Amino acid sequence: MPTHARRRLRLPADHQSPAHARAAVREVLAEAGLAELLDEALLLTTELSTNGVVHAGTDIDVDVQVDDAGVTVTVTDFHAGDIGPATRPDHFSEGGRGLLLVDQFASAWGTTHGEDRKGVWFRLDRTPPSHTEPPASPQRRDWLSFLSETSELLAQSLDPELTLALIPQLVVPRLGDWCAVHSADEWGNLTLATWLHRDEGALPVLRHELDEVAPRLRDVVTSRAPITLPRPFEGVAVPLIARDQLLGTLSVGRHLDRLHSVDEVAVVADLARRVALALDNARIHAERENIAQAFQRALLPAKLPLSTGLEFGAEYVPASTGTDVGGDFYDVFPLSESGEWLVSIGDVCGKGAQAAALTGLVRDVVRVLVRDGRSLPRTMELLNTTMLERGDGKHCTLAAAIVTRSTSGVVELELCLAGHDKPVLLHEDGGTTLVGEGGTAVGLLDTVRTPLATIRLAPGDALVFYTDGVTERRRGDELYGQGRLRQELAGLTGLPAQAIASRLRAAALAFSPEQPRDDIALLVLRNPG
């Protein structure tokens, strides 16, 4: 049977991969006009891709093929081994339901095995073959659609607080009159995290009653199994388990006019699995984000030093507030007690852990070599050799200067530029000049040229270093550019160094409504006179 549409993609072992897999399936089905198969396809794709990411812990390949009669989706992971039978697990177990759902809803399904991989494929036919069971009942299809939509909504949030707030909104009133989520600490102690009642006026009463039911929820923690809640609660409480870790409990109260049906209890159990995984993904993302932010802070001075007769000011705006660490940095480092300083600003290509590690290497190598008495040009040569020996193809632009202040009040800099933009000298009268001599970025060529320039700051003068996140900030096809930077600086004469840095940061951000595409780093030295 000819294939009319096909998508193949490889996705990383990441919490966002099931969402990308669903998007591919949705796109192909929309292109082929098979919207009637969308709910089942999205649910089964979610199950198989989540299994690959969470349980196999490897990248996954997703292959979506559409023909005249339906769609075939294959999800392959790269962890060799048995897939396991599609036996019916306990309703409340964390794993084992993916293949059960495939067995229930797919027109046909099977497995594939390779030396270093295994996969599961399922087929959904537009018209079920005559030998199969009748199509799912309207109520079952309704629950299927609900679980598919729930997976989509939960996948969109990586914020733990927002994910928690979303859970009761999904449950009430669809599955019951009220819902409560308790979070568990590492010792299994429960804390009420969020709750909701279909009648807002009943929230205070529900809050009080949840305190009374707390001892009953301990049974869920110890047994990791569901319990029924007695009067006046009359509902069900299930454990929230992800990656074999107990995250808390999900409690759902009965409907006003009836108890939960068997199907509804099963849906609550399935929802609890999805909720637990979403909460754990959000927790992992938040931990990684905190680590990234701590790493980013460690690459910058905790605070700028105070020096008699010399002012420092700096601003830093990361392009990403997520788990990526930027490659821009600045540094102010004392070389002697007599007022000699090493200042530097640089831009390492790339983002993430590798760029951050290289940023720390560049900063520390420059510090050590200059403090050991090497000249700045020689420091750049040795840094270039070090980066080339790493063999990862990374490079860095860098501006570094050794700063001294004479007894006559003149601040003098020995400035070395390794592929970095020339800093702007702001004179006391408002004039601006680009200073320094251009050189070669480090980490690209076997030899580098980094000539030394001597710059003098008279009383009232300021020297402004910046990275290309400032000058290349974009508004449509227009760049902020050095011209605007110098024009903005002309109106900042007489201000302290930190005020100059802050005003430049605000001007660059105000230039475009978009979030910065590149990190912004600013370092200002000023001779106050």
Protein backbone atom coordinates (compact mmCIF):
# COMPACT_ATOMS: atom_id res chain seq x y z
CA MET A 1 0.00 0.00 0.00
CA PRO A 2 1.58 3.34 -1.04
CA THR A 3 2.68 5.76 1.65
CA HIS A 4 1.17 9.26 1.31
CA ALA A 5 2.93 11.05 4.16
CA ARG A 6 5.85 10.18 6.37
CA ARG A 7 7.89 11.77 9.13
CA ARG A 8 11.05 10.40 10.72
CA LEU A 9 12.78 12.07 13.62
CA ARG A 10 15.30 11.27 16.34
CA LEU A 11 14.58 12.73 19.75
CA PRO A 12 16.84 12.94 22.81
CA ALA A 13 16.21 11.24 26.15
CA ASP A 14 14.43 14.34 27.36
CA HIS A 15 11.10 15.14 29.00
CA GLN A 16 10.08 17.23 25.97
CA SER A 17 10.50 14.40 23.47
CA PRO A 18 6.99 12.88 23.89
CA ALA A 19 5.54 16.31 23.06
CA HIS A 20 7.70 16.54 19.92
CA ALA A 21 6.61 13.03 18.94
CA ARG A 22 2.95 13.98 19.37
CA ALA A 23 3.48 17.10 17.26
CA ALA A 24 4.91 14.99 14.42
CA VAL A 25 1.95 12.59 14.56
CA ARG A 26 -0.54 15.47 14.63
CA GLU A 27 1.14 17.14 11.65
CA VAL A 28 1.12 13.98 9.52
CA LEU A 29 -2.49 13.10 10.34
CA ALA A 30 -3.65 16.64 9.59
CA GLU A 31 -1.81 16.56 6.27
CA ALA A 32 -3.46 13.24 5.38
CA GLY A 33 -6.94 14.20 6.59
CA LEU A 34 -7.13 11.44 9.22
CA ALA A 35 -8.39 13.53 12.14
CA GLU A 36 -10.63 10.67 13.32
CA LEU A 37 -7.53 8.71 14.35
CA LEU A 38 -5.91 11.60 16.21
CA ASP A 39 -6.93 10.82 19.81
CA GLU A 40 -5.82 7.17 19.72
CA ALA A 41 -2.62 7.99 17.83
CA LEU A 42 -1.62 10.75 20.27
CA LEU A 43 -2.32 8.62 23.34
CA LEU A 44 -0.39 5.59 22.08
CA THR A 45 2.50 7.73 20.81
CA THR A 46 2.70 9.37 24.23
CA GLU A 47 2.83 5.99 25.97
CA LEU A 48 5.53 4.52 23.74
CA SER A 49 7.74 7.61 23.57
CA THR A 50 7.50 8.10 27.34
CA ASN A 51 8.49 4.46 27.86
CA GLY A 52 11.54 4.98 25.66
CA VAL A 53 12.66 8.15 27.40
CA VAL A 54 11.86 7.20 31.00
CA HIS A 55 12.46 3.45 31.16
CA ALA A 56 15.02 2.84 28.40
CA GLY A 57 16.69 6.20 29.08
CA THR A 58 17.98 6.56 25.51
CA ASP A 59 17.32 8.62 22.42
CA ILE A 60 14.27 7.48 20.48
CA ASP A 61 13.47 7.23 16.78
CA VAL A 62 9.88 8.00 15.79
CA ASP A 63 8.60 6.94 12.36
CA VAL A 64 5.09 8.00 11.28
CA GLN A 65 3.64 6.61 8.02
CA VAL A 66 0.19 7.32 6.54
CA ASP A 67 -1.46 5.43 3.69
CA ASP A 68 -5.00 5.16 2.30
CA ALA A 69 -6.24 2.97 5.12
CA GLY A 70 -4.64 4.47 8.23
CA VAL A 71 -1.46 5.28 10.10
CA THR A 72 1.50 3.27 11.41
CA VAL A 73 3.75 4.65 14.15
CA THR A 74 7.01 3.01 15.25
CA VAL A 75 8.95 4.12 18.33
CA THR A 76 12.44 2.67 18.72
CA ASP A 77 14.83 3.05 21.65
CA PHE A 78 18.49 2.08 21.85
CA HIS A 79 18.46 -0.18 24.88
CA ALA A 80 18.59 -3.79 23.82
CA GLY A 81 16.44 -6.23 25.76
CA ASP A 82 12.97 -7.66 26.09
CA ILE A 83 9.96 -5.42 25.71
CA GLY A 84 7.74 -7.52 27.90
CA PRO A 85 4.21 -8.87 27.44
CA ALA A 86 1.08 -6.76 27.23
CA THR A 87 -0.36 -8.25 30.40
CA ARG A 88 -2.84 -6.34 32.49
CA PRO A 89 -1.03 -4.60 35.38
CA ASP A 90 -2.50 -3.31 38.56
CA HIS A 91 -4.49 -0.15 37.81
CA PHE A 92 -2.21 1.85 40.04
CA SER A 93 1.20 0.55 38.99
CA GLU A 94 3.62 3.01 37.48
CA GLY A 95 4.69 0.93 34.50
CA GLY A 96 3.34 -1.76 32.24
CA ARG A 97 0.29 0.07 30.90
CA GLY A 98 1.81 1.34 27.65
CA LEU A 99 1.57 -1.98 25.79
CA LEU A 100 -1.80 -2.71 27.38
CA LEU A 101 -3.20 0.48 25.87
CA VAL A 102 -1.59 -0.36 22.55
CA ASP A 103 -3.21 -3.81 22.68
CA GLN A 104 -6.60 -2.31 23.49
CA PHE A 105 -6.75 0.47 20.92
CA ALA A 106 -4.48 -0.47 18.02
CA SER A 107 -5.82 -2.30 14.95
CA ALA A 108 -2.53 -4.21 14.97
CA TRP A 109 0.80 -3.91 16.73
CA GLY A 110 4.13 -5.64 17.08
CA THR A 111 7.75 -5.32 18.13
CA THR A 112 11.08 -4.99 16.38
CA HIS A 113 14.49 -6.05 17.69
CA GLY A 114 18.04 -5.21 16.66
CA GLU A 115 21.48 -5.75 18.08
CA ASP A 116 21.40 -2.47 19.99
CA ARG A 117 17.76 -1.43 19.82
CA LYS A 118 14.17 -2.47 20.21
CA GLY A 119 10.93 -0.92 19.09
CA VAL A 120 7.15 -1.09 19.20
CA TRP A 121 4.88 -0.27 16.27
CA PHE A 122 1.13 0.15 16.18
CA ARG A 123 -1.35 0.43 13.36
CA LEU A 124 -4.62 2.40 13.43
CA ASP A 125 -7.00 1.70 10.54
CA ARG A 126 -9.58 4.18 9.34
CA THR A 127 -12.12 1.35 9.12
CA PRO A 128 -11.44 -1.50 11.59
CA PRO A 129 -11.04 -4.92 9.88
CA SER A 130 -14.08 -7.17 10.20
CA HIS A 131 -12.29 -9.68 12.46
CA THR A 132 -11.53 -7.11 15.17
CA GLU A 133 -13.73 -6.13 18.07
CA PRO A 134 -16.29 -3.32 17.59
CA PRO A 135 -15.03 0.24 17.93
CA ALA A 136 -14.68 1.64 21.43
CA SER A 137 -17.88 2.93 23.03
CA PRO A 138 -18.56 6.69 23.04
CA GLN A 139 -17.78 6.83 26.77
CA ARG A 140 -14.45 5.04 26.30
CA ARG A 141 -13.56 7.34 23.41
CA ASP A 142 -14.48 10.27 25.66
CA TRP A 143 -12.06 9.06 28.34
CA LEU A 144 -9.42 8.45 25.68
CA SER A 145 -9.78 12.02 24.45
CA PHE A 146 -9.60 13.28 28.04
CA LEU A 147 -6.34 11.43 28.76
CA SER A 148 -4.84 12.61 25.47
CA GLU A 149 -5.72 16.25 26.19
CA THR A 150 -4.42 15.88 29.74
CA SER A 151 -1.07 14.60 28.50
CA GLU A 152 -0.80 17.60 26.18
CA LEU A 153 -1.56 20.10 28.96
CA LEU A 154 0.76 18.51 31.50
CA ALA A 155 3.60 18.39 28.97
CA GLN A 156 3.37 22.15 28.42
CA SER A 157 4.43 23.07 31.96
CA LEU A 158 7.91 22.60 33.38
CA ASP A 159 7.24 24.77 36.41
CA PRO A 160 6.52 22.66 39.53
CA GLU A 161 4.11 25.21 41.02
CA LEU A 162 2.17 25.69 37.79
CA THR A 163 1.97 21.93 37.26
CA LEU A 164 0.57 21.46 40.76
CA ALA A 165 -1.99 24.21 40.21
CA LEU A 166 -3.09 22.60 36.94
CA ILE A 167 -3.89 19.17 38.39
CA PRO A 168 -7.14 20.00 40.26
CA GLN A 169 -8.33 22.01 37.26
CA LEU A 170 -8.05 18.86 35.14
CA VAL A 171 -9.90 16.68 37.66
CA VAL A 172 -12.80 18.89 38.84
CA PRO A 173 -15.62 18.47 37.88
CA ARG A 174 -14.78 15.83 35.25
CA LEU A 175 -13.79 13.10 37.70
CA GLY A 176 -15.29 14.33 40.94
CA ASP A 177 -16.56 17.20 43.06
CA TRP A 178 -13.21 17.94 44.67
CA CYS A 179 -9.53 17.14 44.31
CA ALA A 180 -6.49 17.45 46.55
CA VAL A 181 -2.81 16.81 45.98
CA HIS A 182 -0.44 16.10 48.86
CA SER A 183 3.30 16.20 48.24
CA ALA A 184 5.62 13.75 50.00
CA ASP A 185 9.11 14.46 51.32
CA GLU A 186 11.95 11.93 51.31
CA TRP A 187 10.62 10.36 54.53
CA GLY A 188 7.06 10.03 53.19
CA ASN A 189 5.61 12.89 55.23
CA LEU A 190 2.66 14.47 53.42
CA THR A 191 1.95 18.17 52.99
CA LEU A 192 -1.19 19.53 51.36
CA ALA A 193 -0.01 21.23 48.17
CA THR A 194 -3.20 22.21 46.34
CA TRP A 195 -6.92 21.58 46.52
CA LEU A 196 -10.09 22.54 44.64
CA HIS A 197 -13.86 22.12 45.06
CA ARG A 198 -16.45 22.66 42.36
CA ASP A 199 -18.25 24.93 44.86
CA GLU A 200 -15.82 27.69 45.86
CA GLY A 201 -17.84 28.33 49.00
CA ALA A 202 -16.99 24.82 50.20
CA LEU A 203 -13.21 25.34 50.02
CA PRO A 204 -12.75 26.27 53.74
CA VAL A 205 -14.73 23.19 54.81
CA LEU A 206 -12.76 20.98 52.41
CA ARG A 207 -9.51 22.37 53.78
CA HIS A 208 -10.54 21.42 57.32
CA GLU A 209 -11.73 17.95 56.29
CA LEU A 210 -8.46 17.27 54.46
CA ASP A 211 -6.64 17.71 57.76
CA GLU A 212 -8.87 15.00 59.21
CA VAL A 213 -8.27 12.58 56.34
CA ALA A 214 -4.47 13.01 56.47
CA PRO A 215 -3.90 9.96 58.76
CA ARG A 216 -5.85 7.82 56.28
CA LEU A 217 -3.54 8.92 53.48
CA ARG A 218 -0.60 7.42 55.37
CA ASP A 219 -1.93 4.04 54.20
CA VAL A 220 -1.34 5.16 50.60
CA VAL A 221 2.25 6.11 51.47
CA THR A 222 3.10 2.86 53.26
CA SER A 223 1.38 0.51 50.80
CA ARG A 224 1.87 2.57 47.63
CA ALA A 225 -1.61 1.34 46.76
CA PRO A 226 -5.00 3.05 46.37
CA ILE A 227 -7.50 3.41 49.15
CA THR A 228 -11.16 4.37 49.26
CA LEU A 229 -12.05 7.33 51.41
CA PRO A 230 -14.95 6.85 53.87
CA ARG A 231 -17.72 9.32 54.64
CA PRO A 232 -17.87 12.27 54.57
CA PHE A 233 -15.19 12.23 51.88
CA GLU A 234 -16.32 9.26 49.77
CA GLY A 235 -13.69 9.19 47.12
CA VAL A 236 -10.45 7.55 46.14
CA ALA A 237 -6.83 8.35 46.96
CA VAL A 238 -4.00 7.04 44.78
CA PRO A 239 -0.22 7.29 45.02
CA LEU A 240 1.78 9.55 42.71
CA ILE A 241 4.81 7.48 41.68
CA ALA A 242 7.37 8.34 39.02
CA ARG A 243 10.66 6.53 38.39
CA ASP A 244 9.96 4.38 41.48
CA GLN A 245 9.84 7.47 43.69
CA LEU A 246 6.77 8.38 45.74
CA LEU A 247 5.96 12.03 45.05
CA GLY A 248 2.70 12.27 46.96
CA THR A 249 -0.97 11.38 46.70
CA LEU A 250 -3.90 12.39 44.49
CA SER A 251 -7.31 12.38 46.18
CA VAL A 252 -10.56 12.72 44.22
CA GLY A 253 -13.98 13.08 45.84
CA ARG A 254 -17.12 11.40 44.51
CA HIS A 255 -19.68 13.15 42.36
CA LEU A 256 -22.56 14.84 44.15
CA ASP A 257 -25.14 12.29 42.97
CA ARG A 258 -23.17 9.05 42.63
CA LEU A 259 -20.04 7.09 43.49
CA HIS A 260 -17.16 6.67 41.07
CA SER A 261 -17.66 4.04 38.39
CA VAL A 262 -15.05 1.36 37.73
CA ASP A 263 -14.01 3.18 34.53
CA GLU A 264 -13.61 6.46 36.41
CA VAL A 265 -11.37 4.82 39.02
CA ALA A 266 -9.25 3.40 36.22
CA VAL A 267 -9.02 6.86 34.63
CA VAL A 268 -7.99 8.37 37.97
CA ALA A 269 -5.23 5.76 38.19
CA ASP A 270 -4.05 6.48 34.64
CA LEU A 271 -4.20 10.21 35.29
CA ALA A 272 -2.13 9.74 38.46
CA ARG A 273 0.67 8.13 36.41
CA ARG A 274 0.71 11.06 34.00
CA VAL A 275 0.51 13.62 36.79
CA ALA A 276 3.40 11.98 38.67
CA LEU A 277 5.59 11.93 35.58
CA ALA A 278 4.77 15.59 34.83
CA LEU A 279 5.59 16.60 38.41
CA ASP A 280 8.86 14.67 38.32
CA ASN A 281 9.82 16.18 34.96
CA ALA A 282 9.08 19.65 36.35
CA ARG A 283 11.16 18.88 39.45
CA ILE A 284 14.10 17.65 37.37
CA HIS A 285 13.87 20.69 35.10
CA ALA A 286 13.79 23.04 38.10
CA GLU A 287 16.84 21.33 39.63
CA ARG A 288 18.75 21.60 36.36
CA GLU A 289 17.73 25.22 36.03
CA ASN A 290 18.96 25.98 39.53
CA ILE A 291 22.26 24.21 38.79
CA ALA A 292 22.64 26.17 35.54
CA GLN A 293 21.95 29.48 37.28
CA ALA A 294 24.38 28.63 40.08
CA PHE A 295 26.99 27.68 37.47
CA GLN A 296 26.35 30.95 35.63
CA ARG A 297 26.76 32.98 38.84
CA ALA A 298 30.00 31.13 39.60
CA LEU A 299 31.46 32.31 36.29
CA LEU A 300 30.92 35.96 37.19
CA PRO A 301 32.28 37.99 40.11
CA ALA A 302 30.01 37.76 43.14
CA LYS A 303 30.39 41.52 43.49
CA LEU A 304 32.61 44.15 41.95
CA PRO A 305 35.53 45.35 44.08
CA LEU A 306 35.90 48.84 45.46
CA SER A 307 39.10 50.69 44.61
CA THR A 308 40.36 54.14 45.52
CA GLY A 309 40.44 56.31 42.43
CA LEU A 310 38.81 53.73 40.13
CA GLU A 311 35.16 52.74 39.63
CA PHE A 312 33.85 49.46 38.23
CA GLY A 313 30.37 48.77 36.90
CA ALA A 314 28.90 45.70 35.18
CA GLU A 315 25.66 44.22 33.86
CA TYR A 316 24.85 40.76 32.59
CA VAL A 317 21.68 39.53 30.84
CA PRO A 318 21.61 35.84 29.86
CA ALA A 319 19.87 34.99 26.61
CA SER A 320 18.34 31.93 28.28
CA THR A 321 16.75 31.68 31.71
CA GLY A 322 16.46 27.90 31.40
CA THR A 323 19.02 25.16 31.78
CA ASP A 324 21.55 26.51 29.28
CA VAL A 325 24.58 28.40 30.58
CA GLY A 326 25.77 31.26 28.41
CA GLY A 327 29.31 31.74 27.15
CA ASP A 328 29.71 35.49 27.87
CA PHE A 329 31.67 36.55 30.94
CA TYR A 330 33.49 39.44 32.56
CA ASP A 331 36.08 39.49 35.32
CA VAL A 332 37.81 41.97 37.62
CA PHE A 333 40.79 40.53 39.47
CA PRO A 334 43.32 42.25 41.77
CA LEU A 335 46.98 41.75 40.82
CA SER A 336 48.60 43.63 43.68
CA GLU A 337 47.77 45.57 46.81
CA SER A 338 49.05 48.74 45.17
CA GLY A 339 45.97 49.07 42.93
CA GLU A 340 46.86 47.02 39.87
CA TRP A 341 43.94 45.15 38.30
CA LEU A 342 43.27 42.60 35.58
CA VAL A 343 39.96 43.20 33.79
CA SER A 344 38.60 40.98 31.05
CA ILE A 345 35.46 40.33 29.07
CA GLY A 346 34.89 37.52 26.61
CA ASP A 347 32.48 35.49 24.53
CA VAL A 348 32.93 31.73 24.21
CA CYS A 349 31.14 30.18 21.26
CA GLY A 350 28.17 27.99 22.09
CA LYS A 351 26.02 27.43 25.17
CA GLY A 352 25.51 24.76 27.77
CA ALA A 353 27.88 22.82 30.00
CA GLN A 354 30.73 22.65 27.47
CA ALA A 355 30.68 26.40 26.85
CA ALA A 356 30.50 27.05 30.60
CA ALA A 357 33.47 24.77 31.27
CA LEU A 358 35.47 26.57 28.59
CA THR A 359 34.44 29.95 30.01
CA GLY A 360 35.82 28.96 33.40
CA LEU A 361 39.00 27.67 31.76
CA VAL A 362 39.58 30.92 29.83
CA ARG A 363 39.02 33.10 32.88
CA ASP A 364 41.25 31.04 35.15
CA VAL A 365 44.08 30.57 32.62
CA VAL A 366 44.22 34.33 32.01
CA ARG A 367 44.22 35.02 35.75
CA VAL A 368 47.02 32.54 36.48
CA LEU A 369 49.27 33.53 33.59
CA VAL A 370 48.99 37.28 34.17
CA ARG A 371 49.50 36.92 37.91
CA ASP A 372 52.57 34.82 37.11
CA GLY A 373 54.06 37.80 35.25
CA ARG A 374 53.25 36.88 31.62
CA SER A 375 52.46 39.76 29.29
CA LEU A 376 48.99 39.90 27.80
CA PRO A 377 50.13 38.96 24.25
CA ARG A 378 52.05 35.97 25.64
CA THR A 379 49.03 35.05 27.76
CA MET A 380 46.87 35.00 24.63
CA GLU A 381 49.38 32.75 22.85
CA LEU A 382 49.42 30.23 25.70
CA LEU A 383 45.63 30.36 26.03
CA ASN A 384 45.32 29.71 22.29
CA THR A 385 47.60 26.67 22.61
CA THR A 386 45.58 25.35 25.54
CA MET A 387 42.31 25.65 23.64
CA LEU A 388 43.68 24.01 20.52
CA GLU A 389 44.97 21.09 22.59
CA ARG A 390 41.42 20.47 23.82
CA GLY A 391 40.50 19.60 20.23
CA ASP A 392 36.80 20.45 20.55
CA GLY A 393 36.80 23.23 17.93
CA LYS A 394 35.63 25.87 20.40
CA HIS A 395 36.96 29.41 20.21
CA CYS A 396 36.65 32.60 22.20
CA THR A 397 36.87 36.33 21.63
CA LEU A 398 38.49 38.16 24.52
CA ALA A 399 39.43 41.65 25.64
CA ALA A 400 41.83 41.91 28.57
CA ALA A 401 43.60 44.83 30.19
CA ILE A 402 46.03 45.42 33.04
CA VAL A 403 44.91 48.58 34.82
CA THR A 404 47.07 50.85 36.99
CA ARG A 405 46.50 54.29 38.51
CA SER A 406 49.34 56.77 38.79
CA THR A 407 49.86 59.16 41.68
CA SER A 408 48.91 62.02 39.35
CA GLY A 409 45.38 60.58 39.00
CA VAL A 410 45.73 59.16 35.48
CA VAL A 411 44.45 55.60 34.95
CA GLU A 412 46.49 53.66 32.41
CA LEU A 413 45.58 50.39 30.70
CA GLU A 414 47.58 47.91 28.69
CA LEU A 415 44.83 46.60 26.41
CA CYS A 416 44.89 43.39 24.35
CA LEU A 417 42.06 42.37 21.98
CA ALA A 418 41.79 38.77 20.78
CA GLY A 419 39.08 39.01 18.14
CA HIS A 420 36.89 41.09 20.45
CA ASP A 421 35.09 44.33 19.59
CA LYS A 422 36.98 47.49 20.46
CA PRO A 423 35.84 49.10 23.71
CA VAL A 424 34.46 52.65 23.67
CA LEU A 425 36.33 55.42 25.48
CA LEU A 426 33.84 57.98 26.81
CA HIS A 427 35.55 61.32 27.36
CA GLU A 428 34.52 63.78 30.04
CA ASP A 429 33.18 66.17 27.38
CA GLY A 430 30.82 63.49 25.92
CA GLY A 431 32.98 62.48 22.96
CA THR A 432 33.50 58.80 22.22
CA THR A 433 36.37 56.88 20.61
CA LEU A 434 36.89 53.23 19.72
CA VAL A 435 40.23 52.17 21.19
CA GLY A 436 42.64 49.24 20.90
CA GLU A 437 44.08 47.24 18.01
CA GLY A 438 42.22 44.29 16.53
CA GLY A 439 43.62 40.80 17.05
CA THR A 440 42.87 37.12 16.44
CA ALA A 441 40.29 35.11 18.38
CA VAL A 442 41.84 32.33 20.46
CA GLY A 443 41.19 28.68 19.68
CA LEU A 444 40.95 29.01 15.89
CA LEU A 445 44.47 29.23 14.41
CA ASP A 446 47.89 27.84 15.31
CA THR A 447 49.25 31.35 15.80
CA VAL A 448 47.50 34.46 17.01
CA ARG A 449 48.20 38.17 16.65
CA THR A 450 47.16 40.22 19.68
CA PRO A 451 48.98 43.58 19.68
CA LEU A 452 49.15 45.61 22.86
CA ALA A 453 47.72 49.13 23.07
CA THR A 454 48.15 51.70 25.85
CA ILE A 455 45.02 53.62 26.85
CA ARG A 456 44.86 56.51 29.32
CA LEU A 457 41.74 57.56 31.21
CA ALA A 458 41.82 61.19 32.32
CA PRO A 459 39.68 62.22 35.28
CA GLY A 460 36.01 61.84 34.27
CA ASP A 461 36.75 59.39 31.42
CA ALA A 462 35.17 55.93 31.26
CA LEU A 463 36.05 52.84 29.21
CA VAL A 464 33.15 50.59 28.20
CA PHE A 465 33.66 46.92 27.27
CA TYR A 466 30.74 44.95 25.79
CA THR A 467 29.95 41.68 24.03
CA ASP A 468 28.20 41.34 20.69
CA GLY A 469 24.90 40.63 22.46
CA VAL A 470 24.69 44.44 22.75
CA THR A 471 25.68 45.56 19.25
CA GLU A 472 23.97 42.64 17.49
CA ARG A 473 20.66 42.96 19.33
CA ARG A 474 18.09 42.80 16.56
CA ARG A 475 14.83 44.61 15.83
CA GLY A 476 13.59 43.06 12.61
CA ASP A 477 16.42 43.52 10.10
CA GLU A 478 17.97 46.35 12.13
CA LEU A 479 20.90 45.95 14.55
CA TYR A 480 21.56 48.05 17.63
CA GLY A 481 25.12 48.58 16.42
CA GLN A 482 28.11 50.53 17.66
CA GLY A 483 26.63 53.80 16.42
CA ARG A 484 23.68 53.63 18.81
CA LEU A 485 25.97 52.45 21.59
CA ARG A 486 28.20 55.50 21.19
CA GLN A 487 25.22 57.82 20.84
CA GLU A 488 23.74 56.48 24.07
CA LEU A 489 27.09 56.80 25.83
CA ALA A 490 27.47 60.45 24.83
CA GLY A 491 24.61 61.33 27.16
CA LEU A 492 26.00 59.43 30.14
CA THR A 493 29.12 61.45 30.85
CA GLY A 494 29.63 62.25 34.52
CA LEU A 495 27.63 59.27 35.76
CA PRO A 496 29.21 56.61 38.02
CA ALA A 497 30.45 53.43 36.32
CA GLN A 498 27.56 51.27 37.54
CA ALA A 499 25.00 53.83 36.38
CA ILE A 500 26.59 53.86 32.92
CA ALA A 501 26.40 50.04 32.73
CA SER A 502 22.79 50.01 33.92
CA ARG A 503 21.69 52.68 31.45
CA LEU A 504 23.35 50.85 28.56
CA ARG A 505 21.68 47.60 29.56
CA ALA A 506 18.27 49.30 29.66
CA ALA A 507 18.83 50.96 26.28
CA ALA A 508 19.87 47.69 24.61
CA LEU A 509 16.88 45.80 26.02
CA ALA A 510 14.45 48.59 25.09
CA PHE A 511 15.67 48.53 21.49
CA SER A 512 13.68 45.36 20.76
CA PRO A 513 10.57 43.77 22.33
CA GLU A 514 12.06 40.29 21.79
CA GLN A 515 13.97 38.36 24.40
CA PRO A 516 17.75 38.60 23.83
CA ARG A 517 19.03 35.99 21.37
CA ASP A 518 22.55 36.29 22.73
CA ASP A 519 23.98 37.01 26.16
CA ILE A 520 24.61 40.66 27.00
CA ALA A 521 27.68 41.54 29.06
CA LEU A 522 28.88 45.06 29.92
CA LEU A 523 31.93 46.12 31.94
CA VAL A 524 32.70 49.76 32.68
CA LEU A 525 35.88 51.29 34.16
CA ARG A 526 35.79 54.96 35.15
CA ASN A 527 38.32 57.37 36.51
CA PRO A 528 36.28 59.54 38.91
CA GLY A 529 39.17 62.05 39.28
